[in-house]
């Protein structure tokens, strides 16, 4: 949903279904997409909160998830 621009709906879905108490593949991917959604929705502090969760647990990411992480971090550096 978030990749298609449905930021609000995607955000709500991820928030309802992800438990951020534990860093695993599911929660880290959810956090990556939440950072994208919150940035697009004009909430940079929330976006930063989720990207920090991933930063803190980056070693848990699989190779394909690391590629996604790197892309999102690169986009984050670019001006909106």
C-alpha atoms as a PDB file:
ATOM      1  CA  UNK A   1       0.000   0.000   0.000  1.00  0.00           C
ATOM      2  CA  UNK A   2       2.709   2.449   0.963  1.00  0.00           C
ATOM      3  CA  UNK A   3       4.683   1.787  -2.227  1.00  0.00           C
ATOM      4  CA  UNK A   4       1.539   2.685  -4.180  1.00  0.00           C
ATOM      5  CA  UNK A   5       1.096   5.955  -2.298  1.00  0.00           C
ATOM      6  CA  UNK A   6      -1.641   4.837   0.091  1.00  0.00           C
ATOM      7  CA  UNK A   7       0.306   6.188   3.046  1.00  0.00           C
ATOM      8  CA  UNK A   8      -2.468   6.591   5.612  1.00  0.00           C
ATOM      9  CA  UNK A   9      -4.080   3.202   4.973  1.00  0.00           C
ATOM     10  CA  UNK A  10      -0.709   1.458   4.864  1.00  0.00           C
ATOM     11  CA  UNK A  11       0.378   3.142   8.075  1.00  0.00           C
ATOM     12  CA  UNK A  12      -2.769   2.052   9.903  1.00  0.00           C
ATOM     13  CA  UNK A  13      -2.447  -1.521   8.675  1.00  0.00           C
ATOM     14  CA  UNK A  14       1.171  -1.786   9.776  1.00  0.00           C
ATOM     15  CA  UNK A  15       0.533  -0.202  13.161  1.00  0.00           C
ATOM     16  CA  UNK A  16      -2.309  -2.645  13.848  1.00  0.00           C
ATOM     17  CA  UNK A  17      -0.318  -5.721  12.896  1.00  0.00           C
ATOM     18  CA  UNK A  18       3.276  -5.113  13.980  1.00  0.00           C
ATOM     19  CA  UNK A  19       4.698  -5.595  17.446  1.00  0.00           C
ATOM     20  CA  UNK A  20       7.755  -3.399  17.872  1.00  0.00           C
ATOM     21  CA  UNK A  21       8.861  -5.039  21.101  1.00  0.00           C
ATOM     22  CA  UNK A  22      11.024  -7.489  19.167  1.00  0.00           C
ATOM     23  CA  UNK A  23      13.315  -6.835  16.212  1.00  0.00           C
ATOM     24  CA  UNK A  24      12.702  -9.427  13.530  1.00  0.00           C
ATOM     25  CA  UNK A  25      12.249  -9.443   9.779  1.00  0.00           C
ATOM     26  CA  UNK A  26       8.565  -8.522   9.974  1.00  0.00           C
ATOM     27  CA  UNK A  27       8.897  -5.666  12.434  1.00  0.00           C
ATOM     28  CA  UNK A  28      11.949  -4.197  10.740  1.00  0.00           C
ATOM     29  CA  UNK A  29      10.267  -4.161   7.324  1.00  0.00           C
ATOM     30  CA  UNK A  30       7.160  -2.649   8.879  1.00  0.00           C
ATOM     31  CA  UNK A  31       9.305   0.023  10.522  1.00  0.00           C
ATOM     32  CA  UNK A  32      10.994   0.808   7.196  1.00  0.00           C
ATOM     33  CA  UNK A  33       7.662   1.318   5.473  1.00  0.00           C
ATOM     34  CA  UNK A  34       6.285   3.298   8.410  1.00  0.00           C
ATOM     35  CA  UNK A  35       9.239   5.662   8.113  1.00  0.00           C
ATOM     36  CA  UNK A  36       8.366   6.206   4.452  1.00  0.00           C
ATOM     37  CA  UNK A  37       4.677   6.736   5.222  1.00  0.00           C
ATOM     38  CA  UNK A  38       5.270   9.173   8.055  1.00  0.00           C
ATOM     39  CA  UNK A  39       7.745  11.175   5.971  1.00  0.00           C
ATOM     40  CA  UNK A  40       5.231  11.391   3.121  1.00  0.00           C
ATOM     41  CA  UNK A  41       2.504  12.421   5.573  1.00  0.00           C
ATOM     42  CA  UNK A  42       4.658  15.280   6.846  1.00  0.00           C
ATOM     43  CA  UNK A  43       5.516  13.724  10.207  1.00  0.00           C
ATOM     44  CA  UNK A  44       9.336  13.612  10.203  1.00  0.00           C
ATOM     45  CA  UNK A  45       9.696  12.929  13.936  1.00  0.00           C
ATOM     46  CA  UNK A  46       7.598   9.770  13.650  1.00  0.00           C
ATOM     47  CA  UNK A  47       9.517   8.757  10.517  1.00  0.00           C
ATOM     48  CA  UNK A  48      12.770   9.176  12.420  1.00  0.00           C
ATOM     49  CA  UNK A  49      11.505   7.060  15.335  1.00  0.00           C
ATOM     50  CA  UNK A  50      10.930   4.065  13.079  1.00  0.00           C
ATOM     51  CA  UNK A  51      14.136   4.407  11.079  1.00  0.00           C
ATOM     52  CA  UNK A  52      16.074   4.570  14.387  1.00  0.00           C
ATOM     53  CA  UNK A  53      14.465   1.259  15.394  1.00  0.00           C
ATOM     54  CA  UNK A  54      15.844  -0.268  12.189  1.00  0.00           C
ATOM     55  CA  UNK A  55      19.238   1.445  12.596  1.00  0.00           C
ATOM     56  CA  UNK A  56      19.528  -0.089  16.053  1.00  0.00           C
ATOM     57  CA  UNK A  57      18.761  -3.588  14.705  1.00  0.00           C
ATOM     58  CA  UNK A  58      20.216  -3.463  11.193  1.00  0.00           C
ATOM     59  CA  UNK A  59      22.175  -6.694  11.710  1.00  0.00           C
ATOM     60  CA  UNK A  60      18.873  -8.622  11.785  1.00  0.00           C
ATOM     61  CA  UNK A  61      17.967  -7.616   8.208  1.00  0.00           C
ATOM     62  CA  UNK A  62      18.229 -10.195   5.440  1.00  0.00           C
ATOM     63  CA  UNK A  63      20.095  -9.218   2.273  1.00  0.00           C
ATOM     64  CA  UNK A  64      16.972  -8.150   0.340  1.00  0.00           C
ATOM     65  CA  UNK A  65      15.708  -6.186   3.343  1.00  0.00           C
ATOM     66  CA  UNK A  66      19.103  -4.486   3.596  1.00  0.00           C
ATOM     67  CA  UNK A  67      18.703  -3.325  -0.015  1.00  0.00           C
ATOM     68  CA  UNK A  68      15.332  -1.796   0.894  1.00  0.00           C
ATOM     69  CA  UNK A  69      16.881  -0.195   3.986  1.00  0.00           C
ATOM     70  CA  UNK A  70      19.697   1.321   1.931  1.00  0.00           C
ATOM     71  CA  UNK A  71      17.225   2.722  -0.629  1.00  0.00           C
ATOM     72  CA  UNK A  72      15.066   4.295   2.058  1.00  0.00           C
ATOM     73  CA  UNK A  73      18.090   5.791   3.811  1.00  0.00           C
ATOM     74  CA  UNK A  74      19.291   7.247   0.494  1.00  0.00           C
ATOM     75  CA  UNK A  75      15.876   8.785  -0.219  1.00  0.00           C
ATOM     76  CA  UNK A  76      15.812  10.196   3.300  1.00  0.00           C
ATOM     77  CA  UNK A  77      18.998  12.133   2.541  1.00  0.00           C
ATOM     78  CA  UNK A  78      17.385  13.754  -0.499  1.00  0.00           C
ATOM     79  CA  UNK A  79      15.316  16.911  -0.005  1.00  0.00           C
ATOM     80  CA  UNK A  80      11.545  16.405  -0.085  1.00  0.00           C
END
